[in-house]
Amino acid sequence: MAKVSARRNIENSLHRYGFVAVAGVDEVGRGCLAGPVMAGAVILHPDRRIDGLADSKACTAAQRERLHDEICRKCVSWAVVSVLPDEIDRINIHQATLQAMRRAVLSLAPLPDAVLVDAFRIPSLPMAQRGVIGGDRRASAIAAASIVAKVTRDRLMQVLHDADPRYGFDRHKGYATADHLSAVARFGYSSQHRRTFRPATLFDTID
C-alpha cells in the first residue's frame, strides 16, 4: 500500500461549524485469532503539525513507533482501550469492536464534541459523530488513532510472545498466518485465543 499522508480537511470543516475538540477513532485486531481487539481515540491539536501522519497499515513499524510517540506528545488527548478474548467470545467481535471504540472515546479528557469514525458509527455516543469511509486515509485524527492503537497492540503481542513463545505472536500479532495456524494445530488454543474464531481447517484438530 502506498503511503499517502492523511489530511485535515474534514476536521477543519467541523471546526468551521463550531466544533472545538474533534476526535478520531479506529480499531485494530478485529480479524485476529488471538489477543484483544483495541480501539484508539485521539484529539489532535490544531496548531501542532505531525509530518507523515498516515494510515497505520501504510507505515513501516519504525514509522509507526516514531509517529506514536509524536502523536502522544503533541495531541490534546489520546486513549487506547482493549476488549479481551473472553469478552469477544461472549458478545461477538462486532459488538466488542464497538465497545472498544465507545470506551476509547469516553476515556478522552477533555471529551470531544465531535467524533470521526473509520467507516461506521458507534451506538450510544453522547456527542456528534460521522462515519468516514476510508477514514484512516482521509482524516488525520483517524489516522492518528489507528497508529496509536496499532503500536499499543503490537507491543502487547510482543509481551504475550515473551510469556509464551510457542505461537509466534511477535511475528504475526495474532493474525491467522500459516505459521500461527500450524502452531494452534500443534498446541491447541492458549488463554489468549478467541475460541469463537475457529478456521475450518482447525475444526477437526482442536477440541
N, C-alpha and C. Protein backbone atom coordinates (compact mmCIF):
# COMPACT_ATOMS: atom_id res chain seq x y z
N MET A 1 0.83 -1.19 0.00
CA MET A 1 0.00 0.00 0.00
C MET A 1 0.87 1.25 0.00
N ALA A 2 0.61 2.15 -0.95
CA ALA A 2 1.37 3.39 -1.00
C ALA A 2 0.99 4.28 0.18
N LYS A 3 1.99 4.94 0.72
CA LYS A 3 1.74 5.81 1.87
C LYS A 3 1.29 7.17 1.38
N VAL A 4 0.09 7.57 1.80
CA VAL A 4 -0.46 8.87 1.46
C VAL A 4 -0.79 9.57 2.77
N SER A 5 -0.24 10.75 2.97
CA SER A 5 -0.47 11.47 4.21
C SER A 5 -1.95 11.82 4.36
N ALA A 6 -2.48 11.57 5.57
CA ALA A 6 -3.87 11.91 5.85
C ALA A 6 -4.02 13.43 5.93
N ARG A 7 -5.20 13.90 5.60
CA ARG A 7 -5.46 15.33 5.54
C ARG A 7 -6.34 15.76 6.72
N ARG A 8 -6.43 17.06 6.92
CA ARG A 8 -7.26 17.60 7.99
C ARG A 8 -8.49 18.32 7.45
N ASN A 9 -8.84 18.08 6.21
CA ASN A 9 -9.97 18.79 5.61
C ASN A 9 -11.27 18.58 6.38
N ILE A 10 -11.52 17.31 6.76
CA ILE A 10 -12.78 17.01 7.44
C ILE A 10 -12.80 17.65 8.83
N GLU A 11 -11.68 17.51 9.56
CA GLU A 11 -11.61 18.15 10.87
C GLU A 11 -11.77 19.67 10.74
N ASN A 12 -11.13 20.26 9.76
CA ASN A 12 -11.21 21.71 9.58
C ASN A 12 -12.63 22.16 9.27
N SER A 13 -13.35 21.36 8.50
CA SER A 13 -14.74 21.72 8.20
C SER A 13 -15.60 21.68 9.46
N LEU A 14 -15.34 20.73 10.33
CA LEU A 14 -16.08 20.67 11.59
C LEU A 14 -15.74 21.85 12.49
N HIS A 15 -14.46 22.24 12.49
CA HIS A 15 -14.07 23.42 13.27
C HIS A 15 -14.82 24.66 12.78
N ARG A 16 -15.00 24.75 11.47
CA ARG A 16 -15.70 25.92 10.93
C ARG A 16 -17.17 25.94 11.34
N TYR A 17 -17.73 24.77 11.62
CA TYR A 17 -19.12 24.70 12.09
C TYR A 17 -19.22 24.89 13.60
N GLY A 18 -18.10 25.12 14.27
CA GLY A 18 -18.13 25.43 15.69
C GLY A 18 -17.71 24.31 16.61
N PHE A 19 -17.38 23.14 16.06
CA PHE A 19 -16.89 22.05 16.91
C PHE A 19 -15.43 22.35 17.27
N VAL A 20 -15.10 22.22 18.54
CA VAL A 20 -13.76 22.58 19.01
C VAL A 20 -12.86 21.36 19.11
N ALA A 21 -13.27 20.37 19.89
CA ALA A 21 -12.47 19.16 20.11
C ALA A 21 -13.00 18.05 19.22
N VAL A 22 -12.27 17.74 18.15
CA VAL A 22 -12.69 16.72 17.18
C VAL A 22 -11.79 15.50 17.35
N ALA A 23 -12.37 14.38 17.72
CA ALA A 23 -11.61 13.14 17.93
C ALA A 23 -11.72 12.24 16.72
N GLY A 24 -10.66 11.47 16.47
CA GLY A 24 -10.70 10.37 15.53
C GLY A 24 -10.63 9.07 16.30
N VAL A 25 -11.29 8.04 15.82
CA VAL A 25 -11.26 6.73 16.49
C VAL A 25 -11.13 5.63 15.45
N ASP A 26 -10.35 4.61 15.78
CA ASP A 26 -10.15 3.47 14.87
C ASP A 26 -9.82 2.25 15.70
N GLU A 27 -10.01 1.07 15.11
CA GLU A 27 -9.74 -0.19 15.81
C GLU A 27 -8.61 -0.95 15.14
N VAL A 28 -8.05 -1.90 15.87
CA VAL A 28 -7.04 -2.80 15.34
C VAL A 28 -7.22 -4.16 16.02
N GLY A 29 -6.99 -5.22 15.25
CA GLY A 29 -7.08 -6.57 15.79
C GLY A 29 -8.42 -7.23 15.61
N ARG A 30 -9.30 -6.62 14.86
CA ARG A 30 -10.63 -7.19 14.67
C ARG A 30 -10.58 -8.59 14.06
N GLY A 31 -9.69 -8.81 13.10
CA GLY A 31 -9.66 -10.08 12.38
C GLY A 31 -8.67 -11.10 12.91
N CYS A 32 -8.19 -10.92 14.13
CA CYS A 32 -7.17 -11.82 14.68
C CYS A 32 -7.78 -13.07 15.32
N LEU A 33 -6.97 -14.10 15.42
CA LEU A 33 -7.35 -15.30 16.17
C LEU A 33 -7.01 -15.17 17.65
N ALA A 34 -6.07 -14.31 17.98
CA ALA A 34 -5.58 -14.20 19.35
C ALA A 34 -5.35 -12.75 19.72
N GLY A 35 -5.38 -12.50 21.03
CA GLY A 35 -5.16 -11.15 21.53
C GLY A 35 -6.43 -10.32 21.52
N PRO A 36 -6.37 -9.16 22.13
CA PRO A 36 -7.56 -8.30 22.21
C PRO A 36 -7.83 -7.57 20.92
N VAL A 37 -9.05 -7.08 20.78
CA VAL A 37 -9.32 -6.02 19.83
C VAL A 37 -9.10 -4.72 20.59
N MET A 38 -8.44 -3.76 19.96
CA MET A 38 -8.15 -2.48 20.59
C MET A 38 -8.71 -1.34 19.76
N ALA A 39 -9.08 -0.27 20.44
CA ALA A 39 -9.50 0.94 19.76
C ALA A 39 -8.70 2.11 20.31
N GLY A 40 -8.26 2.96 19.40
CA GLY A 40 -7.59 4.19 19.77
C GLY A 40 -8.47 5.39 19.47
N ALA A 41 -8.36 6.41 20.29
CA ALA A 41 -9.07 7.66 20.06
C ALA A 41 -8.08 8.80 20.31
N VAL A 42 -8.08 9.78 19.44
CA VAL A 42 -7.12 10.88 19.52
C VAL A 42 -7.80 12.19 19.17
N ILE A 43 -7.53 13.22 19.97
CA ILE A 43 -7.87 14.60 19.61
C ILE A 43 -6.56 15.29 19.27
N LEU A 44 -6.36 15.62 18.01
CA LEU A 44 -5.15 16.30 17.60
C LEU A 44 -5.22 17.79 17.94
N HIS A 45 -4.08 18.37 18.23
CA HIS A 45 -4.00 19.81 18.45
C HIS A 45 -3.99 20.51 17.10
N PRO A 46 -4.87 21.48 16.89
CA PRO A 46 -4.96 22.10 15.55
C PRO A 46 -3.71 22.85 15.13
N ASP A 47 -2.87 23.23 16.07
CA ASP A 47 -1.70 24.05 15.74
C ASP A 47 -0.38 23.28 15.84
N ARG A 48 -0.43 21.98 16.06
CA ARG A 48 0.79 21.19 16.19
C ARG A 48 0.87 20.18 15.05
N ARG A 49 1.69 20.47 14.08
CA ARG A 49 1.81 19.64 12.88
C ARG A 49 2.55 18.34 13.20
N ILE A 50 2.09 17.24 12.61
CA ILE A 50 2.77 15.94 12.70
C ILE A 50 3.02 15.46 11.28
N ASP A 51 4.26 15.54 10.84
CA ASP A 51 4.61 15.15 9.48
C ASP A 51 4.53 13.64 9.30
N GLY A 52 4.02 13.21 8.15
CA GLY A 52 3.98 11.79 7.81
C GLY A 52 2.82 11.03 8.40
N LEU A 53 1.84 11.72 8.96
CA LEU A 53 0.69 11.06 9.55
C LEU A 53 -0.13 10.37 8.46
N ALA A 54 -0.32 9.06 8.60
CA ALA A 54 -0.99 8.28 7.56
C ALA A 54 -1.61 7.04 8.19
N ASP A 55 -2.41 6.35 7.40
CA ASP A 55 -2.98 5.07 7.80
C ASP A 55 -1.88 4.17 8.34
N SER A 56 -2.10 3.55 9.50
CA SER A 56 -1.06 2.73 10.12
C SER A 56 -0.61 1.60 9.21
N LYS A 57 -1.51 1.07 8.38
CA LYS A 57 -1.16 -0.06 7.50
C LYS A 57 -0.19 0.36 6.41
N ALA A 58 -0.13 1.66 6.12
CA ALA A 58 0.77 2.16 5.08
C ALA A 58 2.12 2.58 5.63
N CYS A 59 2.31 2.49 6.94
CA CYS A 59 3.56 2.89 7.58
C CYS A 59 4.40 1.67 7.94
N THR A 60 5.70 1.82 7.94
CA THR A 60 6.56 0.77 8.45
C THR A 60 6.47 0.75 9.98
N ALA A 61 6.98 -0.33 10.58
CA ALA A 61 6.97 -0.42 12.04
C ALA A 61 7.74 0.73 12.68
N ALA A 62 8.88 1.07 12.08
CA ALA A 62 9.68 2.16 12.63
C ALA A 62 8.95 3.50 12.50
N GLN A 63 8.27 3.72 11.38
CA GLN A 63 7.50 4.95 11.22
C GLN A 63 6.36 5.02 12.23
N ARG A 64 5.69 3.88 12.44
CA ARG A 64 4.59 3.86 13.42
C ARG A 64 5.10 4.19 14.82
N GLU A 65 6.24 3.63 15.20
CA GLU A 65 6.78 3.90 16.53
C GLU A 65 7.09 5.39 16.69
N ARG A 66 7.70 5.98 15.68
CA ARG A 66 8.02 7.41 15.76
C ARG A 66 6.76 8.25 15.83
N LEU A 67 5.79 7.92 14.97
CA LEU A 67 4.56 8.69 14.94
C LEU A 67 3.76 8.51 16.23
N HIS A 68 3.74 7.30 16.77
CA HIS A 68 3.05 7.06 18.03
C HIS A 68 3.54 8.01 19.11
N ASP A 69 4.86 8.09 19.26
CA ASP A 69 5.41 8.94 20.32
C ASP A 69 5.14 10.41 20.06
N GLU A 70 5.19 10.82 18.79
CA GLU A 70 4.94 12.21 18.46
C GLU A 70 3.47 12.56 18.65
N ILE A 71 2.58 11.66 18.25
CA ILE A 71 1.15 11.88 18.46
C ILE A 71 0.84 12.06 19.95
N CYS A 72 1.36 11.15 20.77
CA CYS A 72 1.07 11.21 22.20
C CYS A 72 1.64 12.48 22.84
N ARG A 73 2.74 12.96 22.29
CA ARG A 73 3.38 14.15 22.84
C ARG A 73 2.67 15.44 22.41
N LYS A 74 2.16 15.48 21.18
CA LYS A 74 1.63 16.72 20.63
C LYS A 74 0.10 16.83 20.67
N CYS A 75 -0.60 15.75 20.85
CA CYS A 75 -2.06 15.80 20.77
C CYS A 75 -2.66 16.43 22.02
N VAL A 76 -3.93 16.77 21.93
CA VAL A 76 -4.67 17.28 23.09
C VAL A 76 -4.96 16.14 24.06
N SER A 77 -5.36 15.00 23.52
CA SER A 77 -5.72 13.86 24.35
C SER A 77 -5.69 12.59 23.51
N TRP A 78 -5.37 11.47 24.14
CA TRP A 78 -5.42 10.17 23.45
C TRP A 78 -5.79 9.08 24.44
N ALA A 79 -6.34 7.99 23.93
CA ALA A 79 -6.69 6.84 24.77
C ALA A 79 -6.69 5.59 23.90
N VAL A 80 -6.32 4.47 24.51
CA VAL A 80 -6.43 3.16 23.87
C VAL A 80 -7.13 2.22 24.84
N VAL A 81 -8.12 1.50 24.34
CA VAL A 81 -8.92 0.59 25.18
C VAL A 81 -8.93 -0.78 24.53
N SER A 82 -8.83 -1.83 25.37
CA SER A 82 -8.83 -3.22 24.91
C SER A 82 -10.14 -3.92 25.29
N VAL A 83 -10.57 -4.82 24.44
CA VAL A 83 -11.58 -5.82 24.80
C VAL A 83 -10.91 -7.17 24.65
N LEU A 84 -10.86 -7.93 25.74
CA LEU A 84 -10.08 -9.16 25.79
C LEU A 84 -10.81 -10.33 25.14
N PRO A 85 -10.08 -11.42 24.83
CA PRO A 85 -10.69 -12.54 24.12
C PRO A 85 -11.93 -13.12 24.77
N ASP A 86 -11.97 -13.21 26.11
CA ASP A 86 -13.16 -13.81 26.74
C ASP A 86 -14.40 -12.96 26.52
N GLU A 87 -14.23 -11.63 26.51
CA GLU A 87 -15.38 -10.76 26.25
C GLU A 87 -15.76 -10.80 24.77
N ILE A 88 -14.75 -10.89 23.90
CA ILE A 88 -15.04 -11.04 22.46
C ILE A 88 -15.88 -12.29 22.23
N ASP A 89 -15.50 -13.40 22.86
CA ASP A 89 -16.24 -14.65 22.71
C ASP A 89 -17.66 -14.53 23.25
N ARG A 90 -17.83 -13.73 24.30
CA ARG A 90 -19.14 -13.62 24.94
C ARG A 90 -20.10 -12.75 24.13
N ILE A 91 -19.60 -11.65 23.54
CA ILE A 91 -20.52 -10.69 22.92
C ILE A 91 -20.37 -10.61 21.41
N ASN A 92 -19.40 -11.27 20.81
CA ASN A 92 -19.03 -11.33 19.38
C ASN A 92 -18.12 -10.17 19.01
N ILE A 93 -17.37 -10.37 17.94
CA ILE A 93 -16.30 -9.42 17.61
C ILE A 93 -16.85 -8.07 17.17
N HIS A 94 -17.99 -8.05 16.49
CA HIS A 94 -18.54 -6.76 16.07
C HIS A 94 -18.91 -5.91 17.28
N GLN A 95 -19.64 -6.51 18.22
CA GLN A 95 -20.03 -5.77 19.42
C GLN A 95 -18.80 -5.39 20.26
N ALA A 96 -17.81 -6.28 20.30
CA ALA A 96 -16.59 -5.97 21.06
C ALA A 96 -15.86 -4.79 20.44
N THR A 97 -15.83 -4.72 19.12
CA THR A 97 -15.19 -3.59 18.44
C THR A 97 -15.90 -2.29 18.76
N LEU A 98 -17.22 -2.31 18.69
CA LEU A 98 -17.99 -1.10 19.03
C LEU A 98 -17.78 -0.69 20.47
N GLN A 99 -17.73 -1.68 21.38
CA GLN A 99 -17.50 -1.38 22.80
C GLN A 99 -16.13 -0.73 22.99
N ALA A 100 -15.11 -1.29 22.35
CA ALA A 100 -13.77 -0.73 22.49
C ALA A 100 -13.72 0.70 21.98
N MET A 101 -14.34 0.96 20.85
CA MET A 101 -14.33 2.31 20.27
C MET A 101 -15.08 3.29 21.17
N ARG A 102 -16.23 2.87 21.67
CA ARG A 102 -17.01 3.75 22.54
C ARG A 102 -16.23 4.06 23.82
N ARG A 103 -15.64 3.04 24.43
CA ARG A 103 -14.89 3.25 25.66
C ARG A 103 -13.68 4.15 25.43
N ALA A 104 -13.03 3.99 24.27
CA ALA A 104 -11.87 4.82 23.98
C ALA A 104 -12.27 6.29 23.88
N VAL A 105 -13.36 6.57 23.17
CA VAL A 105 -13.82 7.95 23.04
C VAL A 105 -14.15 8.53 24.41
N LEU A 106 -14.87 7.75 25.23
CA LEU A 106 -15.30 8.26 26.54
C LEU A 106 -14.16 8.33 27.55
N SER A 107 -13.00 7.77 27.21
CA SER A 107 -11.82 7.87 28.07
C SER A 107 -11.02 9.14 27.82
N LEU A 108 -11.34 9.86 26.75
CA LEU A 108 -10.61 11.08 26.43
C LEU A 108 -10.93 12.18 27.45
N ALA A 109 -9.93 12.96 27.76
CA ALA A 109 -10.12 14.12 28.65
C ALA A 109 -9.34 15.30 28.07
N PRO A 110 -10.02 16.34 27.62
CA PRO A 110 -11.47 16.53 27.69
C PRO A 110 -12.21 15.64 26.69
N LEU A 111 -13.51 15.44 26.95
CA LEU A 111 -14.32 14.72 25.98
C LEU A 111 -14.44 15.54 24.69
N PRO A 112 -14.46 14.87 23.55
CA PRO A 112 -14.66 15.60 22.30
C PRO A 112 -16.10 16.05 22.15
N ASP A 113 -16.31 17.05 21.32
CA ASP A 113 -17.69 17.42 20.99
C ASP A 113 -18.09 16.93 19.60
N ALA A 114 -17.16 16.29 18.90
CA ALA A 114 -17.46 15.61 17.64
C ALA A 114 -16.46 14.47 17.45
N VAL A 115 -16.90 13.39 16.84
CA VAL A 115 -16.08 12.20 16.66
C VAL A 115 -16.13 11.75 15.20
N LEU A 116 -14.96 11.48 14.64
CA LEU A 116 -14.84 10.90 13.30
C LEU A 116 -14.46 9.44 13.45
N VAL A 117 -15.24 8.56 12.85
CA VAL A 117 -15.06 7.12 13.00
C VAL A 117 -14.73 6.51 11.65
N ASP A 118 -13.77 5.59 11.64
CA ASP A 118 -13.44 4.92 10.39
C ASP A 118 -14.59 4.01 9.97
N ALA A 119 -15.26 4.35 8.90
CA ALA A 119 -16.22 3.51 8.19
C ALA A 119 -17.64 3.54 8.75
N PHE A 120 -17.84 3.45 10.06
CA PHE A 120 -19.22 3.32 10.54
C PHE A 120 -19.43 4.16 11.80
N ARG A 121 -20.64 4.07 12.36
CA ARG A 121 -21.00 4.85 13.53
C ARG A 121 -20.97 3.98 14.79
N ILE A 122 -20.78 4.63 15.93
CA ILE A 122 -20.72 3.96 17.22
C ILE A 122 -22.02 4.22 17.97
N PRO A 123 -22.75 3.18 18.36
CA PRO A 123 -24.00 3.40 19.09
C PRO A 123 -23.76 4.06 20.46
N SER A 124 -24.73 4.87 20.87
CA SER A 124 -24.81 5.41 22.23
C SER A 124 -23.68 6.37 22.59
N LEU A 125 -23.11 7.03 21.61
CA LEU A 125 -22.15 8.09 21.93
C LEU A 125 -22.92 9.38 22.25
N PRO A 126 -22.55 10.08 23.33
CA PRO A 126 -23.29 11.28 23.72
C PRO A 126 -22.80 12.55 23.04
N MET A 127 -22.26 12.41 21.84
CA MET A 127 -21.81 13.59 21.09
C MET A 127 -21.96 13.32 19.59
N ALA A 128 -21.85 14.39 18.81
CA ALA A 128 -21.98 14.24 17.36
C ALA A 128 -20.90 13.33 16.83
N GLN A 129 -21.23 12.58 15.78
CA GLN A 129 -20.24 11.70 15.15
C GLN A 129 -20.52 11.59 13.67
N ARG A 130 -19.47 11.20 12.95
CA ARG A 130 -19.58 10.99 11.50
C ARG A 130 -18.73 9.80 11.11
N GLY A 131 -19.33 8.85 10.41
CA GLY A 131 -18.57 7.74 9.85
C GLY A 131 -17.93 8.18 8.54
N VAL A 132 -16.65 7.87 8.39
CA VAL A 132 -15.89 8.30 7.21
C VAL A 132 -15.34 7.07 6.51
N ILE A 133 -15.83 6.78 5.32
CA ILE A 133 -15.32 5.64 4.55
C ILE A 133 -13.86 5.92 4.19
N GLY A 134 -12.98 4.95 4.47
CA GLY A 134 -11.56 5.15 4.23
C GLY A 134 -10.99 6.22 5.14
N GLY A 135 -11.56 6.32 6.35
CA GLY A 135 -11.21 7.41 7.24
C GLY A 135 -9.76 7.46 7.66
N ASP A 136 -9.11 6.29 7.78
CA ASP A 136 -7.71 6.30 8.21
C ASP A 136 -6.79 6.85 7.12
N ARG A 137 -7.31 7.06 5.92
CA ARG A 137 -6.56 7.73 4.85
C ARG A 137 -7.03 9.16 4.63
N ARG A 138 -8.28 9.45 5.00
CA ARG A 138 -8.88 10.74 4.67
C ARG A 138 -8.87 11.74 5.83
N ALA A 139 -8.75 11.25 7.06
CA ALA A 139 -8.84 12.15 8.22
C ALA A 139 -7.64 11.91 9.13
N SER A 140 -6.91 12.96 9.41
CA SER A 140 -5.67 12.81 10.18
C SER A 140 -5.93 12.30 11.59
N ALA A 141 -7.04 12.70 12.21
CA ALA A 141 -7.33 12.24 13.57
C ALA A 141 -7.58 10.74 13.60
N ILE A 142 -8.25 10.22 12.56
CA ILE A 142 -8.48 8.77 12.49
C ILE A 142 -7.16 8.05 12.23
N ALA A 143 -6.33 8.59 11.34
CA ALA A 143 -5.01 8.00 11.10
C ALA A 143 -4.20 7.95 12.38
N ALA A 144 -4.23 9.04 13.16
CA ALA A 144 -3.50 9.07 14.43
C ALA A 144 -4.02 8.00 15.37
N ALA A 145 -5.35 7.84 15.43
CA ALA A 145 -5.94 6.82 16.30
C ALA A 145 -5.51 5.42 15.86
N SER A 146 -5.45 5.20 14.55
CA SER A 146 -5.06 3.88 14.04
C SER A 146 -3.62 3.56 14.42
N ILE A 147 -2.75 4.56 14.39
CA ILE A 147 -1.33 4.35 14.72
C ILE A 147 -1.16 4.09 16.21
N VAL A 148 -1.82 4.88 17.04
CA VAL A 148 -1.69 4.69 18.49
C VAL A 148 -2.22 3.31 18.89
N ALA A 149 -3.35 2.90 18.32
CA ALA A 149 -3.90 1.59 18.64
C ALA A 149 -3.00 0.47 18.14
N LYS A 150 -2.49 0.59 16.92
CA LYS A 150 -1.64 -0.45 16.32
C LYS A 150 -0.35 -0.64 17.11
N VAL A 151 0.32 0.45 17.45
CA VAL A 151 1.58 0.33 18.18
C VAL A 151 1.34 -0.25 19.58
N THR A 152 0.28 0.20 20.24
CA THR A 152 -0.03 -0.32 21.57
C THR A 152 -0.31 -1.82 21.52
N ARG A 153 -1.08 -2.24 20.51
CA ARG A 153 -1.39 -3.67 20.40
C ARG A 153 -0.16 -4.49 20.04
N ASP A 154 0.65 -4.00 19.11
CA ASP A 154 1.87 -4.72 18.73
C ASP A 154 2.79 -4.91 19.93
N ARG A 155 2.90 -3.89 20.76
CA ARG A 155 3.74 -4.00 21.96
C ARG A 155 3.18 -5.05 22.91
N LEU A 156 1.87 -5.09 23.05
CA LEU A 156 1.26 -6.11 23.91
C LEU A 156 1.51 -7.50 23.35
N MET A 157 1.37 -7.68 22.04
CA MET A 157 1.58 -9.01 21.46
C MET A 157 3.02 -9.47 21.64
N GLN A 158 3.97 -8.54 21.67
CA GLN A 158 5.35 -8.91 21.98
C GLN A 158 5.46 -9.40 23.42
N VAL A 159 4.77 -8.76 24.34
CA VAL A 159 4.77 -9.21 25.74
C VAL A 159 4.16 -10.60 25.85
N LEU A 160 3.05 -10.84 25.13
CA LEU A 160 2.42 -12.16 25.16
C LEU A 160 3.34 -13.21 24.54
N HIS A 161 4.08 -12.83 23.51
CA HIS A 161 5.05 -13.76 22.93
C HIS A 161 6.14 -14.11 23.93
N ASP A 162 6.64 -13.12 24.65
CA ASP A 162 7.70 -13.37 25.63
C ASP A 162 7.22 -14.33 26.72
N ALA A 163 5.92 -14.24 27.06
CA ALA A 163 5.37 -15.12 28.08
C ALA A 163 5.11 -16.53 27.56
N ASP A 164 4.82 -16.66 26.26
CA ASP A 164 4.52 -17.96 25.66
C ASP A 164 4.92 -17.91 24.18
N PRO A 165 6.17 -18.28 23.87
CA PRO A 165 6.68 -18.12 22.51
C PRO A 165 6.22 -19.19 21.52
N ARG A 166 5.40 -20.13 21.94
CA ARG A 166 5.02 -21.24 21.06
C ARG A 166 4.29 -20.78 19.80
N TYR A 167 3.54 -19.68 19.88
CA TYR A 167 2.64 -19.30 18.79
C TYR A 167 3.22 -18.26 17.84
N GLY A 168 4.32 -17.63 18.20
CA GLY A 168 4.92 -16.63 17.32
C GLY A 168 4.16 -15.33 17.25
N PHE A 169 3.56 -14.91 18.38
CA PHE A 169 2.80 -13.66 18.39
C PHE A 169 3.66 -12.45 17.99
N ASP A 170 4.97 -12.54 18.21
CA ASP A 170 5.84 -11.41 17.85
C ASP A 170 5.89 -11.20 16.34
N ARG A 171 5.63 -12.25 15.56
CA ARG A 171 5.69 -12.14 14.10
C ARG A 171 4.34 -11.77 13.49
N HIS A 172 3.30 -12.50 13.83
CA HIS A 172 2.02 -12.31 13.15
C HIS A 172 1.01 -11.51 13.97
N LYS A 173 1.33 -11.21 15.23
CA LYS A 173 0.49 -10.36 16.10
C LYS A 173 -0.91 -10.92 16.30
N GLY A 174 -1.04 -12.25 16.14
CA GLY A 174 -2.33 -12.88 16.38
C GLY A 174 -3.17 -13.14 15.15
N TYR A 175 -2.72 -12.68 13.98
CA TYR A 175 -3.47 -12.92 12.75
C TYR A 175 -3.29 -14.36 12.29
N ALA A 176 -4.17 -14.80 11.41
CA ALA A 176 -4.24 -16.21 11.02
C ALA A 176 -3.26 -16.53 9.90
N THR A 177 -1.98 -16.38 10.16
CA THR A 177 -0.96 -16.78 9.19
C THR A 177 -0.81 -18.30 9.20
N ALA A 178 -0.12 -18.82 8.21
CA ALA A 178 0.12 -20.26 8.15
C ALA A 178 0.89 -20.74 9.38
N ASP A 179 1.89 -19.98 9.80
CA ASP A 179 2.66 -20.35 10.99
C ASP A 179 1.78 -20.39 12.23
N HIS A 180 0.90 -19.42 12.35
CA HIS A 180 0.02 -19.38 13.52
C HIS A 180 -0.95 -20.55 13.51
N LEU A 181 -1.56 -20.83 12.37
CA LEU A 181 -2.49 -21.96 12.28
C LEU A 181 -1.78 -23.27 12.58
N SER A 182 -0.53 -23.40 12.11
CA SER A 182 0.23 -24.61 12.40
C SER A 182 0.49 -24.76 13.90
N ALA A 183 0.82 -23.65 14.56
CA ALA A 183 1.07 -23.69 15.99
C ALA A 183 -0.19 -24.03 16.77
N VAL A 184 -1.33 -23.49 16.35
CA VAL A 184 -2.59 -23.81 17.03
C VAL A 184 -2.96 -25.27 16.83
N ALA A 185 -2.73 -25.79 15.63
CA ALA A 185 -3.00 -27.20 15.38
C ALA A 185 -2.12 -28.10 16.25
N ARG A 186 -0.91 -27.64 16.54
CA ARG A 186 0.02 -28.44 17.34
C ARG A 186 -0.24 -28.31 18.84
N PHE A 187 -0.48 -27.07 19.31
CA PHE A 187 -0.55 -26.82 20.76
C PHE A 187 -1.96 -26.56 21.28
N GLY A 188 -2.93 -26.40 20.38
CA GLY A 188 -4.26 -26.01 20.83
C GLY A 188 -4.32 -24.52 21.12
N TYR A 189 -5.48 -24.06 21.54
CA TYR A 189 -5.65 -22.65 21.87
C TYR A 189 -5.05 -22.34 23.23
N SER A 190 -4.47 -21.16 23.33
CA SER A 190 -4.00 -20.64 24.61
C SER A 190 -5.09 -19.78 25.23
N SER A 191 -4.81 -19.25 26.41
CA SER A 191 -5.77 -18.35 27.06
C SER A 191 -5.92 -17.04 26.30
N GLN A 192 -5.00 -16.74 25.37
CA GLN A 192 -5.07 -15.51 24.60
C GLN A 192 -5.85 -15.66 23.30
N HIS A 193 -6.32 -16.88 23.01
CA HIS A 193 -7.04 -17.12 21.77
C HIS A 193 -8.54 -16.90 21.94
N ARG A 194 -9.16 -16.45 20.87
CA ARG A 194 -10.61 -16.28 20.82
C ARG A 194 -11.23 -17.60 20.39
N ARG A 195 -11.95 -18.23 21.25
CA ARG A 195 -12.42 -19.58 20.96
C ARG A 195 -13.60 -19.61 20.00
N THR A 196 -14.20 -18.48 19.74
CA THR A 196 -15.24 -18.42 18.71
C THR A 196 -14.66 -18.20 17.33
N PHE A 197 -13.33 -17.96 17.23
CA PHE A 197 -12.65 -17.80 15.94
C PHE A 197 -12.01 -19.13 15.60
N ARG A 198 -12.71 -19.95 14.81
CA ARG A 198 -12.21 -21.28 14.50
C ARG A 198 -12.15 -21.48 12.99
N PRO A 199 -10.98 -21.31 12.39
CA PRO A 199 -10.86 -21.57 10.94
C PRO A 199 -11.27 -23.00 10.61
N ALA A 200 -11.91 -23.18 9.47
CA ALA A 200 -12.42 -24.51 9.10
C ALA A 200 -11.33 -25.56 9.10
N THR A 201 -10.10 -25.20 8.78
CA THR A 201 -9.01 -26.16 8.72
C THR A 201 -8.65 -26.71 10.10
N LEU A 202 -9.13 -26.04 11.16
CA LEU A 202 -8.79 -26.49 12.50
C LEU A 202 -9.94 -27.19 13.19
N PHE A 203 -11.10 -27.26 12.57
CA PHE A 203 -12.27 -27.83 13.25
C PHE A 203 -12.02 -29.26 13.74
N ASP A 204 -11.25 -30.02 12.95
CA ASP A 204 -11.05 -31.42 13.29
C ASP A 204 -9.83 -31.66 14.16
N THR A 205 -9.04 -30.61 14.47
CA THR A 205 -7.80 -30.80 15.19
C THR A 205 -7.80 -30.18 16.58
N ILE A 206 -8.81 -29.33 16.89
CA ILE A 206 -8.84 -28.64 18.17
C ILE A 206 -10.15 -28.95 18.88
N ASP A 207 -10.09 -29.31 20.12
CA ASP A 207 -11.31 -29.54 20.91
C ASP A 207 -11.99 -28.23 21.20
